Amino acid sequence: MVEANAYIALFAHPEQESNPAAGVLAFFPTDTPGIRIEHVCDTRGTQSDTIIFENCFVPEDAVLNEFIIPSIPDWLAPEEVLANLHYVAVYLGVGVAVLKAVTAYVQNRQPRGYAQPVADHQDIRRRMAKISAELEAARCLLRYAG
C-alpha cells in the first residue's frame, strides 16, 4: 500500500534530545534511494507494509526540526482515534464483505426437507438485518469521525 503514496511520514528520535520518547517528524518521497518495502499479508488477509531503510539519506529540508515532539506517546494519545481510522475502515470493509458472502450463502442454501432457502426464515432475516444495521451505523460513524 506504500506504493500508492507519494510520501512517507517518519517519526525518528532527534540526536540532540535526551528524552527517549521524544521524536521529530520527517516527510520524504517513497522513491528515495535506500528504501525497501516488504509486503506482508496479516491475519485479516489485508496487506501491511514493512518499510526498511538501508543506507537511506533523508534530506535536511524533509525533517521538521522546529516541530520536536517531547513525547510521542503523550502526543498521540489524544489523537489515537484519528490515528487508527484506517484500521476502522479496513475492519468495516471486512465486515461488509462478510455480510455480502453470508447473504449470498443463505439465499442459496436450502437444506433437505425445507421448502425455501434459509434466507426466507424469519430468524435468519432478523439476524441479517441486525448485522446490516450495525455495519451501516459503523459506516456513518466512520464517515463523520474526526
N, C-alpha and C. Protein backbone atom coordinates (compact mmCIF):
# COMPACT_ATOMS: atom_id res chain seq x y z
N MET A 1 0.81 -1.19 0.00
CA MET A 1 0.00 0.00 0.00
C MET A 1 0.86 1.26 0.00
N VAL A 2 2.12 1.11 0.36
CA VAL A 2 3.01 2.28 0.37
C VAL A 2 3.15 2.86 -1.03
N GLU A 3 3.16 1.99 -2.05
CA GLU A 3 3.34 2.47 -3.42
C GLU A 3 2.26 3.46 -3.85
N ALA A 4 1.11 3.40 -3.21
CA ALA A 4 0.01 4.31 -3.55
C ALA A 4 0.25 5.72 -3.02
N ASN A 5 1.24 5.88 -2.16
CA ASN A 5 1.53 7.19 -1.56
C ASN A 5 2.74 7.83 -2.22
N ALA A 6 2.74 9.13 -2.27
CA ALA A 6 3.88 9.86 -2.81
C ALA A 6 4.94 10.11 -1.74
N TYR A 7 4.51 10.17 -0.47
CA TYR A 7 5.44 10.48 0.62
C TYR A 7 5.26 9.51 1.77
N ILE A 8 6.32 9.37 2.55
CA ILE A 8 6.31 8.58 3.77
C ILE A 8 6.49 9.56 4.93
N ALA A 9 5.70 9.39 5.97
CA ALA A 9 5.89 10.17 7.20
C ALA A 9 6.63 9.26 8.19
N LEU A 10 7.69 9.79 8.76
CA LEU A 10 8.53 9.00 9.66
C LEU A 10 8.77 9.77 10.95
N PHE A 11 8.51 9.10 12.07
CA PHE A 11 8.90 9.64 13.36
C PHE A 11 10.27 9.07 13.68
N ALA A 12 11.22 9.93 14.05
CA ALA A 12 12.57 9.49 14.41
C ALA A 12 13.01 10.21 15.67
N HIS A 13 13.96 9.61 16.36
CA HIS A 13 14.47 10.23 17.57
C HIS A 13 15.56 11.25 17.21
N PRO A 14 15.37 12.52 17.61
CA PRO A 14 16.40 13.53 17.30
C PRO A 14 17.64 13.32 18.18
N GLU A 15 18.80 13.42 17.57
CA GLU A 15 20.06 13.16 18.27
C GLU A 15 20.26 14.09 19.46
N GLN A 16 19.80 15.33 19.36
CA GLN A 16 20.05 16.31 20.41
C GLN A 16 19.13 16.15 21.62
N GLU A 17 18.14 15.26 21.55
CA GLU A 17 17.18 15.08 22.65
C GLU A 17 17.61 13.95 23.57
N SER A 18 17.56 14.19 24.88
CA SER A 18 17.92 13.15 25.85
C SER A 18 16.72 12.26 26.20
N ASN A 19 15.51 12.78 26.01
CA ASN A 19 14.30 12.01 26.32
C ASN A 19 14.10 10.93 25.25
N PRO A 20 14.10 9.64 25.64
CA PRO A 20 13.95 8.57 24.64
C PRO A 20 12.58 8.55 23.97
N ALA A 21 11.59 9.21 24.55
CA ALA A 21 10.25 9.24 23.95
C ALA A 21 10.07 10.40 22.98
N ALA A 22 11.08 11.27 22.89
CA ALA A 22 10.98 12.43 22.00
C ALA A 22 11.07 11.99 20.55
N GLY A 23 10.52 12.79 19.68
CA GLY A 23 10.55 12.45 18.26
C GLY A 23 10.49 13.68 17.39
N VAL A 24 10.88 13.51 16.17
CA VAL A 24 10.79 14.54 15.16
C VAL A 24 10.13 13.90 13.94
N LEU A 25 9.41 14.68 13.19
CA LEU A 25 8.67 14.18 12.04
C LEU A 25 9.39 14.54 10.75
N ALA A 26 9.47 13.57 9.84
CA ALA A 26 10.09 13.81 8.54
C ALA A 26 9.16 13.29 7.45
N PHE A 27 9.08 14.01 6.35
CA PHE A 27 8.32 13.60 5.17
C PHE A 27 9.30 13.49 4.02
N PHE A 28 9.30 12.36 3.32
CA PHE A 28 10.17 12.23 2.15
C PHE A 28 9.53 11.31 1.13
N PRO A 29 9.93 11.43 -0.13
CA PRO A 29 9.31 10.65 -1.21
C PRO A 29 9.50 9.15 -1.04
N THR A 30 8.51 8.40 -1.46
CA THR A 30 8.58 6.94 -1.36
C THR A 30 9.65 6.35 -2.27
N ASP A 31 10.09 7.09 -3.28
CA ASP A 31 11.11 6.57 -4.19
C ASP A 31 12.53 6.98 -3.77
N THR A 32 12.71 7.39 -2.51
CA THR A 32 14.03 7.76 -2.00
C THR A 32 14.94 6.53 -2.05
N PRO A 33 16.16 6.66 -2.59
CA PRO A 33 17.08 5.52 -2.63
C PRO A 33 17.37 5.00 -1.22
N GLY A 34 17.41 3.68 -1.09
CA GLY A 34 17.69 3.05 0.20
C GLY A 34 16.45 2.55 0.91
N ILE A 35 15.27 2.84 0.34
CA ILE A 35 14.04 2.36 0.95
C ILE A 35 13.64 1.04 0.27
N ARG A 36 13.37 0.04 1.12
CA ARG A 36 12.90 -1.25 0.61
C ARG A 36 11.58 -1.55 1.31
N ILE A 37 10.62 -2.00 0.54
CA ILE A 37 9.28 -2.27 1.07
C ILE A 37 9.03 -3.78 1.02
N GLU A 38 8.70 -4.35 2.17
CA GLU A 38 8.34 -5.76 2.25
C GLU A 38 6.84 -5.85 2.49
N HIS A 39 6.17 -6.62 1.65
CA HIS A 39 4.72 -6.78 1.78
C HIS A 39 4.42 -8.00 2.65
N VAL A 40 3.50 -7.82 3.57
CA VAL A 40 3.11 -8.89 4.48
C VAL A 40 1.59 -8.96 4.46
N CYS A 41 1.05 -10.16 4.38
CA CYS A 41 -0.39 -10.34 4.49
C CYS A 41 -0.67 -10.72 5.94
N ASP A 42 -1.51 -9.95 6.61
CA ASP A 42 -1.78 -10.24 8.01
C ASP A 42 -2.95 -11.20 8.16
N THR A 43 -3.36 -11.45 9.40
CA THR A 43 -4.40 -12.45 9.67
C THR A 43 -5.76 -12.06 9.12
N ARG A 44 -5.98 -10.78 8.83
CA ARG A 44 -7.26 -10.35 8.25
C ARG A 44 -7.26 -10.52 6.73
N GLY A 45 -6.10 -10.91 6.19
CA GLY A 45 -5.99 -11.02 4.74
C GLY A 45 -5.73 -9.69 4.08
N THR A 46 -5.38 -8.69 4.87
CA THR A 46 -5.06 -7.38 4.31
C THR A 46 -3.55 -7.22 4.24
N GLN A 47 -3.10 -6.36 3.36
CA GLN A 47 -1.68 -6.15 3.17
C GLN A 47 -1.17 -5.11 4.15
N SER A 48 -0.09 -5.43 4.81
CA SER A 48 0.61 -4.49 5.67
C SER A 48 2.03 -4.38 5.15
N ASP A 49 2.54 -3.19 5.06
CA ASP A 49 3.88 -2.99 4.54
C ASP A 49 4.88 -2.74 5.66
N THR A 50 6.05 -3.32 5.53
CA THR A 50 7.16 -3.02 6.40
C THR A 50 8.15 -2.22 5.57
N ILE A 51 8.52 -1.06 6.05
CA ILE A 51 9.45 -0.19 5.33
C ILE A 51 10.82 -0.34 5.96
N ILE A 52 11.79 -0.72 5.16
CA ILE A 52 13.15 -0.93 5.64
C ILE A 52 14.04 0.15 5.04
N PHE A 53 14.78 0.81 5.90
CA PHE A 53 15.70 1.86 5.48
C PHE A 53 17.12 1.32 5.51
N GLU A 54 17.77 1.26 4.37
CA GLU A 54 19.14 0.77 4.28
C GLU A 54 20.00 1.85 3.63
N ASN A 55 20.91 2.41 4.40
CA ASN A 55 21.76 3.49 3.89
C ASN A 55 20.92 4.58 3.23
N CYS A 56 19.85 4.93 3.90
CA CYS A 56 18.90 5.90 3.35
C CYS A 56 19.24 7.29 3.88
N PHE A 57 19.37 8.23 2.99
CA PHE A 57 19.65 9.61 3.36
C PHE A 57 18.35 10.40 3.30
N VAL A 58 18.02 11.04 4.41
CA VAL A 58 16.84 11.90 4.46
C VAL A 58 17.35 13.34 4.40
N PRO A 59 16.98 14.09 3.36
CA PRO A 59 17.46 15.47 3.24
C PRO A 59 17.00 16.33 4.42
N GLU A 60 17.82 17.29 4.78
CA GLU A 60 17.53 18.17 5.93
C GLU A 60 16.20 18.89 5.76
N ASP A 61 15.86 19.27 4.53
CA ASP A 61 14.61 20.01 4.32
C ASP A 61 13.37 19.12 4.47
N ALA A 62 13.55 17.79 4.57
CA ALA A 62 12.43 16.88 4.78
C ALA A 62 12.09 16.73 6.26
N VAL A 63 13.02 17.14 7.13
CA VAL A 63 12.83 16.99 8.58
C VAL A 63 12.26 18.27 9.15
N LEU A 64 11.22 18.13 9.94
CA LEU A 64 10.59 19.28 10.58
C LEU A 64 11.24 19.50 11.95
N ASN A 65 12.47 20.02 11.96
CA ASN A 65 13.22 20.21 13.20
C ASN A 65 12.55 21.17 14.17
N GLU A 66 11.79 22.11 13.65
CA GLU A 66 11.13 23.06 14.53
C GLU A 66 9.93 22.44 15.24
N PHE A 67 9.62 21.21 14.87
CA PHE A 67 8.45 20.53 15.43
C PHE A 67 8.93 19.29 16.19
N ILE A 68 9.74 19.48 17.21
CA ILE A 68 10.20 18.35 18.03
C ILE A 68 9.10 18.02 19.02
N ILE A 69 8.75 16.76 19.08
CA ILE A 69 7.68 16.29 19.96
C ILE A 69 8.34 15.77 21.23
N PRO A 70 8.04 16.38 22.40
CA PRO A 70 8.69 15.95 23.64
C PRO A 70 8.43 14.49 23.98
N SER A 71 7.23 14.00 23.70
CA SER A 71 6.89 12.60 23.99
C SER A 71 5.89 12.12 22.96
N ILE A 72 6.31 11.25 22.08
CA ILE A 72 5.42 10.76 21.03
C ILE A 72 4.18 10.08 21.62
N PRO A 73 4.32 9.19 22.64
CA PRO A 73 3.11 8.57 23.21
C PRO A 73 2.12 9.59 23.76
N ASP A 74 2.62 10.61 24.48
CA ASP A 74 1.72 11.63 25.03
C ASP A 74 1.08 12.47 23.93
N TRP A 75 1.82 12.68 22.85
CA TRP A 75 1.31 13.48 21.73
C TRP A 75 0.24 12.70 20.96
N LEU A 76 0.43 11.39 20.81
CA LEU A 76 -0.52 10.58 20.04
C LEU A 76 -1.77 10.21 20.82
N ALA A 77 -1.67 10.12 22.14
CA ALA A 77 -2.79 9.63 22.95
C ALA A 77 -4.10 10.36 22.69
N PRO A 78 -4.14 11.71 22.68
CA PRO A 78 -5.42 12.37 22.44
C PRO A 78 -5.93 12.19 21.01
N GLU A 79 -5.04 11.87 20.09
CA GLU A 79 -5.43 11.72 18.68
C GLU A 79 -5.47 10.25 18.26
N GLU A 80 -5.50 9.35 19.24
CA GLU A 80 -5.43 7.92 18.91
C GLU A 80 -6.56 7.48 17.98
N VAL A 81 -7.73 7.99 18.22
CA VAL A 81 -8.86 7.62 17.38
C VAL A 81 -8.59 8.00 15.92
N LEU A 82 -8.10 9.21 15.70
CA LEU A 82 -7.82 9.66 14.34
C LEU A 82 -6.65 8.88 13.74
N ALA A 83 -5.67 8.55 14.57
CA ALA A 83 -4.50 7.82 14.07
C ALA A 83 -4.86 6.41 13.65
N ASN A 84 -5.96 5.88 14.17
CA ASN A 84 -6.33 4.50 13.86
C ASN A 84 -7.55 4.38 12.94
N LEU A 85 -7.96 5.48 12.33
CA LEU A 85 -9.14 5.43 11.46
C LEU A 85 -8.95 4.46 10.29
N HIS A 86 -7.75 4.35 9.77
CA HIS A 86 -7.54 3.44 8.65
C HIS A 86 -7.81 1.99 9.04
N TYR A 87 -7.52 1.62 10.30
CA TYR A 87 -7.85 0.27 10.76
C TYR A 87 -9.36 0.08 10.82
N VAL A 88 -10.05 1.10 11.29
CA VAL A 88 -11.51 1.04 11.37
C VAL A 88 -12.08 0.83 9.97
N ALA A 89 -11.56 1.54 8.99
CA ALA A 89 -12.05 1.39 7.62
C ALA A 89 -11.80 -0.01 7.09
N VAL A 90 -10.64 -0.59 7.41
CA VAL A 90 -10.34 -1.95 6.97
C VAL A 90 -11.33 -2.94 7.58
N TYR A 91 -11.53 -2.85 8.89
CA TYR A 91 -12.45 -3.78 9.56
C TYR A 91 -13.88 -3.60 9.07
N LEU A 92 -14.28 -2.37 8.79
CA LEU A 92 -15.61 -2.15 8.25
C LEU A 92 -15.73 -2.81 6.87
N GLY A 93 -14.71 -2.67 6.05
CA GLY A 93 -14.72 -3.32 4.74
C GLY A 93 -14.79 -4.84 4.84
N VAL A 94 -14.06 -5.40 5.80
CA VAL A 94 -14.12 -6.85 6.02
C VAL A 94 -15.53 -7.25 6.45
N GLY A 95 -16.12 -6.47 7.35
CA GLY A 95 -17.48 -6.77 7.81
C GLY A 95 -18.50 -6.73 6.68
N VAL A 96 -18.39 -5.73 5.81
CA VAL A 96 -19.31 -5.62 4.66
C VAL A 96 -19.13 -6.80 3.72
N ALA A 97 -17.88 -7.20 3.48
CA ALA A 97 -17.62 -8.35 2.60
C ALA A 97 -18.19 -9.63 3.19
N VAL A 98 -18.05 -9.79 4.49
CA VAL A 98 -18.61 -10.98 5.15
C VAL A 98 -20.12 -10.97 5.04
N LEU A 99 -20.75 -9.82 5.26
CA LEU A 99 -22.21 -9.74 5.15
C LEU A 99 -22.67 -10.12 3.75
N LYS A 100 -21.97 -9.63 2.72
CA LYS A 100 -22.33 -9.98 1.34
C LYS A 100 -22.19 -11.47 1.09
N ALA A 101 -21.12 -12.07 1.60
CA ALA A 101 -20.90 -13.50 1.40
C ALA A 101 -21.96 -14.33 2.13
N VAL A 102 -22.28 -13.94 3.35
CA VAL A 102 -23.29 -14.67 4.11
C VAL A 102 -24.66 -14.50 3.48
N THR A 103 -24.95 -13.31 2.98
CA THR A 103 -26.23 -13.07 2.31
C THR A 103 -26.38 -13.98 1.10
N ALA A 104 -25.34 -14.06 0.29
CA ALA A 104 -25.39 -14.95 -0.88
C ALA A 104 -25.55 -16.40 -0.45
N TYR A 105 -24.87 -16.78 0.62
CA TYR A 105 -24.95 -18.17 1.08
C TYR A 105 -26.35 -18.52 1.55
N VAL A 106 -26.96 -17.68 2.41
CA VAL A 106 -28.28 -18.02 2.94
C VAL A 106 -29.36 -17.95 1.86
N GLN A 107 -29.13 -17.14 0.82
CA GLN A 107 -30.10 -17.08 -0.26
C GLN A 107 -30.07 -18.35 -1.12
N ASN A 108 -28.93 -19.01 -1.15
CA ASN A 108 -28.79 -20.21 -1.97
C ASN A 108 -28.86 -21.51 -1.17
N ARG A 109 -28.80 -21.45 0.13
CA ARG A 109 -28.79 -22.65 0.98
C ARG A 109 -30.21 -23.09 1.26
N GLN A 110 -30.52 -24.27 0.81
CA GLN A 110 -31.84 -24.85 1.06
C GLN A 110 -31.65 -26.28 1.55
N PRO A 111 -31.70 -26.46 2.88
CA PRO A 111 -31.49 -27.80 3.43
C PRO A 111 -32.58 -28.77 2.96
N ARG A 112 -32.21 -30.05 2.96
CA ARG A 112 -33.22 -31.07 2.60
C ARG A 112 -34.40 -30.98 3.55
N GLY A 113 -35.57 -31.08 3.00
CA GLY A 113 -36.79 -31.03 3.79
C GLY A 113 -37.36 -29.62 3.95
N TYR A 114 -36.62 -28.61 3.50
CA TYR A 114 -37.12 -27.24 3.58
C TYR A 114 -37.72 -26.86 2.23
N ALA A 115 -38.80 -26.08 2.27
CA ALA A 115 -39.47 -25.68 1.05
C ALA A 115 -38.84 -24.45 0.41
N GLN A 116 -38.05 -23.70 1.17
CA GLN A 116 -37.44 -22.47 0.66
C GLN A 116 -36.04 -22.32 1.24
N PRO A 117 -35.25 -21.40 0.67
CA PRO A 117 -33.90 -21.16 1.21
C PRO A 117 -33.97 -20.65 2.66
N VAL A 118 -32.89 -20.84 3.41
CA VAL A 118 -32.90 -20.40 4.81
C VAL A 118 -33.04 -18.89 4.92
N ALA A 119 -32.74 -18.15 3.87
CA ALA A 119 -32.90 -16.69 3.89
C ALA A 119 -34.35 -16.28 4.09
N ASP A 120 -35.28 -17.17 3.79
CA ASP A 120 -36.70 -16.86 3.94
C ASP A 120 -37.21 -17.07 5.37
N HIS A 121 -36.37 -17.61 6.22
CA HIS A 121 -36.79 -17.85 7.61
C HIS A 121 -36.65 -16.56 8.42
N GLN A 122 -37.64 -16.31 9.25
CA GLN A 122 -37.74 -15.05 9.97
C GLN A 122 -36.52 -14.79 10.86
N ASP A 123 -36.04 -15.79 11.57
CA ASP A 123 -34.91 -15.58 12.48
C ASP A 123 -33.64 -15.21 11.71
N ILE A 124 -33.42 -15.85 10.58
CA ILE A 124 -32.25 -15.54 9.75
C ILE A 124 -32.36 -14.12 9.23
N ARG A 125 -33.53 -13.74 8.75
CA ARG A 125 -33.75 -12.38 8.23
C ARG A 125 -33.51 -11.33 9.31
N ARG A 126 -33.98 -11.63 10.54
CA ARG A 126 -33.79 -10.70 11.65
C ARG A 126 -32.31 -10.53 11.96
N ARG A 127 -31.58 -11.64 12.01
CA ARG A 127 -30.14 -11.57 12.30
C ARG A 127 -29.39 -10.81 11.20
N MET A 128 -29.71 -11.06 9.96
CA MET A 128 -29.04 -10.38 8.84
C MET A 128 -29.36 -8.88 8.86
N ALA A 129 -30.59 -8.53 9.19
CA ALA A 129 -30.97 -7.12 9.27
C ALA A 129 -30.22 -6.41 10.40
N LYS A 130 -30.05 -7.10 11.53
CA LYS A 130 -29.32 -6.51 12.65
C LYS A 130 -27.86 -6.26 12.27
N ILE A 131 -27.23 -7.23 11.64
CA ILE A 131 -25.84 -7.07 11.21
C ILE A 131 -25.72 -5.93 10.20
N SER A 132 -26.65 -5.88 9.26
CA SER A 132 -26.64 -4.82 8.25
C SER A 132 -26.79 -3.44 8.88
N ALA A 133 -27.70 -3.32 9.85
CA ALA A 133 -27.91 -2.04 10.52
C ALA A 133 -26.67 -1.63 11.33
N GLU A 134 -26.02 -2.59 11.99
CA GLU A 134 -24.82 -2.28 12.76
C GLU A 134 -23.68 -1.83 11.85
N LEU A 135 -23.53 -2.48 10.69
CA LEU A 135 -22.49 -2.06 9.75
C LEU A 135 -22.78 -0.68 9.17
N GLU A 136 -24.03 -0.41 8.89
CA GLU A 136 -24.38 0.92 8.37
C GLU A 136 -24.14 2.00 9.42
N ALA A 137 -24.43 1.70 10.68
CA ALA A 137 -24.15 2.65 11.76
C ALA A 137 -22.65 2.89 11.87
N ALA A 138 -21.86 1.84 11.75
CA ALA A 138 -20.40 1.98 11.81
C ALA A 138 -19.90 2.81 10.64
N ARG A 139 -20.49 2.61 9.47
CA ARG A 139 -20.09 3.39 8.29
C ARG A 139 -20.38 4.88 8.50
N CYS A 140 -21.53 5.19 9.08
CA CYS A 140 -21.87 6.60 9.36
C CYS A 140 -20.92 7.20 10.39
N LEU A 141 -20.59 6.44 11.43
CA LEU A 141 -19.66 6.94 12.44
C LEU A 141 -18.29 7.20 11.82
N LEU A 142 -17.84 6.30 10.97
CA LEU A 142 -16.54 6.46 10.32
C LEU A 142 -16.55 7.68 9.39
N ARG A 143 -17.63 7.85 8.67
CA ARG A 143 -17.73 8.95 7.71
C ARG A 143 -17.61 10.31 8.40
N TYR A 144 -18.17 10.42 9.59
CA TYR A 144 -18.18 11.72 10.28
C TYR A 144 -17.16 11.81 11.42
N ALA A 145 -16.31 10.82 11.56
CA ALA A 145 -15.26 10.86 12.59
C ALA A 145 -14.22 11.91 12.23
N GLY A 146 -13.68 12.51 13.22
CA GLY A 146 -12.57 13.45 13.02
C GLY A 146 -13.03 14.76 12.52
